[in-house]
Amino acid sequence: MPSTKIKDFSLPATNGATFTLSEHKGKTVVLYFYPKDDTPGCTTEGLDFAALHDKFLAANAIIVGVSRDSVKSHDKFCTKHGFPFALISDAEELLCAQFDVIKMKNMYGKQVRGIERSTFVIDATGKLAHEWRGVKVAGHAQAVLDTVVAMK
C-alpha cells in the first residue's frame, strides 16, 4: 500500500471541527487508529504522541487520532489528557474500512470486532508513505517521529 494515493475524506472531529484530508496538502499527516477513548493503552499512546507534538510540527507534520467513539467522547478524552491534536470520530467505520483496520479480536475469551491499533503516514502529496499495523504502544510514537523526520 505505500505510495498509494489516499482517497480524500472528511469526518467530524474534536472541538466541533470537521477534518478533511485535502485541507492539509503540503503537510505530512500522521493518522493513528486506536480502539477506544480513555482506556490504558489508548491513553498512553495519545500521551506519547502529545509529548512529541512540537517535534512533529517542526517536521511539518500533524497528528490525528481516529476511533469509532463519538465526538463527545473524544472531546472529553482530549480535555482530560490535554491532547494538542484532533481526534476524528469514525462511528460509521468509513475511514476504518478505507485503511482496513477493523479486525476480529479476542476480548476476555470472546471474539469481537474492533480497531487494530495502526498508524499511517501520508506524505505532503497525499500518498501513503509508511504504515504500522498491530502496533505495540511502547516506543511507537518515537518510531513514527523518526520516520517522519527521515522523510524530509
C-alpha atoms as a PDB file:
ATOM      1  CA  MET A   1       0.000   0.000   0.000  1.00  0.00           C
ATOM      2  CA  PRO A   2       2.883   2.520   0.425  1.00  0.00           C
ATOM      3  CA  SER A   3       2.940   5.219  -2.286  1.00  0.00           C
ATOM      4  CA  THR A   4      -0.787   4.662  -2.849  1.00  0.00           C
ATOM      5  CA  LYS A   5      -2.789   7.880  -3.248  1.00  0.00           C
ATOM      6  CA  ILE A   6      -5.134   8.219  -0.265  1.00  0.00           C
ATOM      7  CA  LYS A   7      -8.759   8.975  -1.130  1.00  0.00           C
ATOM      8  CA  ASP A   8      -9.855  12.290   0.370  1.00  0.00           C
ATOM      9  CA  PHE A   9     -12.108  12.093   3.406  1.00  0.00           C
ATOM     10  CA  SER A  10     -13.998  14.466   5.639  1.00  0.00           C
ATOM     11  CA  LEU A  11     -15.214  13.416   9.099  1.00  0.00           C
ATOM     12  CA  PRO A  12     -16.311  15.063  12.368  1.00  0.00           C
ATOM     13  CA  ALA A  13     -13.511  15.832  14.811  1.00  0.00           C
ATOM     14  CA  THR A  14     -12.974  17.350  18.232  1.00  0.00           C
ATOM     15  CA  ASN A  15     -13.930  20.934  19.088  1.00  0.00           C
ATOM     16  CA  GLY A  16     -16.796  20.960  16.590  1.00  0.00           C
ATOM     17  CA  ALA A  17     -14.406  20.790  13.638  1.00  0.00           C
ATOM     18  CA  THR A  18     -14.502  18.656  10.518  1.00  0.00           C
ATOM     19  CA  PHE A  19     -11.217  17.071   9.481  1.00  0.00           C
ATOM     20  CA  THR A  20     -10.722  16.993   5.708  1.00  0.00           C
ATOM     21  CA  LEU A  21      -7.535  15.381   4.451  1.00  0.00           C
ATOM     22  CA  SER A  22      -7.194  17.576   1.335  1.00  0.00           C
ATOM     23  CA  GLU A  23      -7.079  20.702   3.524  1.00  0.00           C
ATOM     24  CA  HIS A  24      -3.688  19.509   4.796  1.00  0.00           C
ATOM     25  CA  LYS A  25      -1.890  19.117   1.467  1.00  0.00           C
ATOM     26  CA  GLY A  26       1.716  20.185   1.801  1.00  0.00           C
ATOM     27  CA  LYS A  27       1.945  18.681   5.306  1.00  0.00           C
ATOM     28  CA  THR A  28       2.707  15.160   6.424  1.00  0.00           C
ATOM     29  CA  VAL A  29      -0.330  13.644   8.165  1.00  0.00           C
ATOM     30  CA  VAL A  30       0.148  11.025  10.875  1.00  0.00           C
ATOM     31  CA  LEU A  31      -3.131   9.142  11.162  1.00  0.00           C
ATOM     32  CA  TYR A  32      -3.230   6.803  14.129  1.00  0.00           C
ATOM     33  CA  PHE A  33      -6.133   4.437  14.732  1.00  0.00           C
ATOM     34  CA  TYR A  34      -6.814   3.277  18.275  1.00  0.00           C
ATOM     35  CA  PRO A  35      -9.536   1.063  19.778  1.00  0.00           C
ATOM     36  CA  LYS A  36     -11.241   3.161  22.485  1.00  0.00           C
ATOM     37  CA  ASP A  37     -11.104   6.511  24.278  1.00  0.00           C
ATOM     38  CA  ASP A  38      -9.761   6.619  27.822  1.00  0.00           C
ATOM     39  CA  THR A  39      -8.512   3.038  28.037  1.00  0.00           C
ATOM     40  CA  PRO A  40      -4.988   2.422  29.369  1.00  0.00           C
ATOM     41  CA  GLY A  41      -3.172   1.623  26.097  1.00  0.00           C
ATOM     42  CA  CYS A  42      -5.017   4.269  24.095  1.00  0.00           C
ATOM     43  CA  THR A  43      -4.355   6.910  26.743  1.00  0.00           C
ATOM     44  CA  THR A  44      -0.648   6.052  26.834  1.00  0.00           C
ATOM     45  CA  GLU A  45      -0.442   6.182  23.034  1.00  0.00           C
ATOM     46  CA  GLY A  46      -2.165   9.572  22.936  1.00  0.00           C
ATOM     47  CA  LEU A  47       0.094  10.945  25.677  1.00  0.00           C
ATOM     48  CA  ASP A  48       3.188   9.656  23.827  1.00  0.00           C
ATOM     49  CA  PHE A  49       2.128  11.435  20.626  1.00  0.00           C
ATOM     50  CA  ALA A  50       1.244  14.563  22.640  1.00  0.00           C
ATOM     51  CA  ALA A  51       4.703  14.596  24.261  1.00  0.00           C
ATOM     52  CA  LEU A  52       6.299  14.680  20.788  1.00  0.00           C
ATOM     53  CA  HIS A  53       3.747  17.057  19.238  1.00  0.00           C
ATOM     54  CA  ASP A  54       6.131  20.018  18.891  1.00  0.00           C
ATOM     55  CA  LYS A  55       8.739  17.817  17.185  1.00  0.00           C
ATOM     56  CA  PHE A  56       6.112  16.588  14.706  1.00  0.00           C
ATOM     57  CA  LEU A  57       5.123  20.207  13.994  1.00  0.00           C
ATOM     58  CA  ALA A  58       8.801  21.105  13.470  1.00  0.00           C
ATOM     59  CA  ALA A  59       8.934  18.316  10.859  1.00  0.00           C
ATOM     60  CA  ASN A  60       5.870  19.840   9.078  1.00  0.00           C
ATOM     61  CA  ALA A  61       3.638  17.007  10.290  1.00  0.00           C
ATOM     62  CA  ILE A  62       0.284  16.920  12.021  1.00  0.00           C
ATOM     63  CA  ILE A  63      -1.056  14.131  14.216  1.00  0.00           C
ATOM     64  CA  VAL A  64      -4.659  12.950  14.068  1.00  0.00           C
ATOM     65  CA  GLY A  65      -6.170  10.149  16.149  1.00  0.00           C
ATOM     66  CA  VAL A  66      -9.097   8.034  14.911  1.00  0.00           C
ATOM     67  CA  SER A  67     -11.514   5.718  16.690  1.00  0.00           C
ATOM     68  CA  ARG A  68     -15.179   4.770  16.468  1.00  0.00           C
ATOM     69  CA  ASP A  69     -16.029   6.779  19.594  1.00  0.00           C
ATOM     70  CA  SER A  70     -18.334   9.807  19.353  1.00  0.00           C
ATOM     71  CA  VAL A  71     -17.075  13.382  19.089  1.00  0.00           C
ATOM     72  CA  LYS A  72     -18.488  13.979  22.593  1.00  0.00           C
ATOM     73  CA  SER A  73     -16.365  11.106  23.933  1.00  0.00           C
ATOM     74  CA  HIS A  74     -13.325  12.420  22.019  1.00  0.00           C
ATOM     75  CA  ASP A  75     -13.800  15.938  23.410  1.00  0.00           C
ATOM     76  CA  LYS A  76     -13.842  14.558  26.988  1.00  0.00           C
ATOM     77  CA  PHE A  77     -10.772  12.381  26.257  1.00  0.00           C
ATOM     78  CA  CYS A  78      -8.848  15.341  24.752  1.00  0.00           C
ATOM     79  CA  THR A  79      -9.775  17.691  27.590  1.00  0.00           C
ATOM     80  CA  LYS A  80      -8.939  15.157  30.305  1.00  0.00           C
ATOM     81  CA  HIS A  81      -5.466  14.445  28.896  1.00  0.00           C
ATOM     82  CA  GLY A  82      -4.658  17.757  27.163  1.00  0.00           C
ATOM     83  CA  PHE A  83      -4.100  16.336  23.694  1.00  0.00           C
ATOM     84  CA  PRO A  84      -2.935  19.146  21.375  1.00  0.00           C
ATOM     85  CA  PHE A  85      -4.198  17.412  18.212  1.00  0.00           C
ATOM     86  CA  ALA A  86      -7.578  16.481  16.739  1.00  0.00           C
ATOM     87  CA  LEU A  87      -9.388  13.200  17.222  1.00  0.00           C
ATOM     88  CA  ILE A  88     -11.686  12.030  14.420  1.00  0.00           C
ATOM     89  CA  SER A  89     -14.937  10.203  15.096  1.00  0.00           C
ATOM     90  CA  ASP A  90     -15.402   7.333  12.641  1.00  0.00           C
ATOM     91  CA  ALA A  91     -18.611   5.915  14.105  1.00  0.00           C
ATOM     92  CA  GLU A  92     -19.703   4.523  10.720  1.00  0.00           C
ATOM     93  CA  GLU A  93     -16.268   2.944  10.129  1.00  0.00           C
ATOM     94  CA  LEU A  94     -15.763   4.674   6.757  1.00  0.00           C
ATOM     95  CA  LEU A  95     -12.118   5.520   7.420  1.00  0.00           C
ATOM     96  CA  CYS A  96     -11.584   2.226   9.240  1.00  0.00           C
ATOM     97  CA  ALA A  97     -12.749   0.425   6.080  1.00  0.00           C
ATOM     98  CA  GLN A  98     -10.578   2.591   3.815  1.00  0.00           C
ATOM     99  CA  PHE A  99      -7.492   1.642   5.854  1.00  0.00           C
ATOM    100  CA  ASP A 100      -8.677  -1.923   6.637  1.00  0.00           C
ATOM    101  CA  VAL A 101      -8.157  -1.666  10.402  1.00  0.00           C
ATOM    102  CA  ILE A 102     -11.274  -3.482  11.667  1.00  0.00           C
ATOM    103  CA  LYS A 103     -10.272  -6.958  12.802  1.00  0.00           C
ATOM    104  CA  MET A 104     -11.685  -9.789  14.875  1.00  0.00           C
ATOM    105  CA  LYS A 105     -10.022  -9.673  18.293  1.00  0.00           C
ATOM    106  CA  ASN A 106     -10.195 -11.785  21.433  1.00  0.00           C
ATOM    107  CA  MET A 107     -11.644  -9.923  24.393  1.00  0.00           C
ATOM    108  CA  TYR A 108     -11.960 -11.907  27.599  1.00  0.00           C
ATOM    109  CA  GLY A 109     -12.250 -15.125  25.575  1.00  0.00           C
ATOM    110  CA  LYS A 110     -14.885 -13.782  23.161  1.00  0.00           C
ATOM    111  CA  GLN A 111     -14.429 -12.784  19.516  1.00  0.00           C
ATOM    112  CA  VAL A 112     -15.268  -9.090  18.962  1.00  0.00           C
ATOM    113  CA  ARG A 113     -14.858  -6.702  16.032  1.00  0.00           C
ATOM    114  CA  GLY A 114     -12.538  -3.848  16.849  1.00  0.00           C
ATOM    115  CA  ILE A 115      -9.879  -1.487  15.597  1.00  0.00           C
ATOM    116  CA  GLU A 116      -6.427  -2.980  15.248  1.00  0.00           C
ATOM    117  CA  ARG A 117      -4.032  -0.326  16.579  1.00  0.00           C
ATOM    118  CA  SER A 118      -2.436   1.029  13.395  1.00  0.00           C
ATOM    119  CA  THR A 119      -0.642   4.166  12.196  1.00  0.00           C
ATOM    120  CA  PHE A 120      -0.337   5.575   8.684  1.00  0.00           C
ATOM    121  CA  VAL A 121       1.922   8.375   7.454  1.00  0.00           C
ATOM    122  CA  ILE A 122       0.520  10.290   4.491  1.00  0.00           C
ATOM    123  CA  ASP A 123       3.089  12.448   2.723  1.00  0.00           C
ATOM    124  CA  ALA A 124       2.688  16.077   1.639  1.00  0.00           C
ATOM    125  CA  THR A 125       1.324  14.979  -1.763  1.00  0.00           C
ATOM    126  CA  GLY A 126      -1.416  12.798  -0.235  1.00  0.00           C
ATOM    127  CA  LYS A 127       0.269   9.441  -0.791  1.00  0.00           C
ATOM    128  CA  LEU A 128       0.763   6.734   1.798  1.00  0.00           C
ATOM    129  CA  ALA A 129       4.421   6.830   2.822  1.00  0.00           C
ATOM    130  CA  HIS A 130       4.508   4.346   5.708  1.00  0.00           C
ATOM    131  CA  GLU A 131       2.228   2.100   7.753  1.00  0.00           C
ATOM    132  CA  TRP A 132       2.380   0.182  11.004  1.00  0.00           C
ATOM    133  CA  ARG A 133      -0.223  -2.485  11.859  1.00  0.00           C
ATOM    134  CA  GLY A 134      -0.741  -4.370  15.103  1.00  0.00           C
ATOM    135  CA  VAL A 135       1.126  -1.598  16.918  1.00  0.00           C
ATOM    136  CA  LYS A 136       2.593  -2.059  20.373  1.00  0.00           C
ATOM    137  CA  VAL A 137       2.386   1.285  22.200  1.00  0.00           C
ATOM    138  CA  ALA A 138       5.824   1.368  23.859  1.00  0.00           C
ATOM    139  CA  GLY A 139       8.222   3.404  21.694  1.00  0.00           C
ATOM    140  CA  HIS A 140       5.759   3.670  18.798  1.00  0.00           C
ATOM    141  CA  ALA A 141       5.284   7.474  18.744  1.00  0.00           C
ATOM    142  CA  GLN A 142       9.062   7.948  18.678  1.00  0.00           C
ATOM    143  CA  ALA A 143       9.409   5.432  15.806  1.00  0.00           C
ATOM    144  CA  VAL A 144       6.768   7.349  13.839  1.00  0.00           C
ATOM    145  CA  LEU A 145       8.560  10.647  14.533  1.00  0.00           C
ATOM    146  CA  ASP A 146      11.882   9.154  13.399  1.00  0.00           C
ATOM    147  CA  THR A 147      10.216   8.024  10.150  1.00  0.00           C
ATOM    148  CA  VAL A 148       8.624  11.439   9.559  1.00  0.00           C
ATOM    149  CA  VAL A 149      11.909  13.274  10.201  1.00  0.00           C
ATOM    150  CA  ALA A 150      13.751  10.907   7.809  1.00  0.00           C
ATOM    151  CA  MET A 151      11.226  11.784   5.044  1.00  0.00           C
ATOM    152  CA  LYS A 152      12.305  15.447   4.962  1.00  0.00           C
END
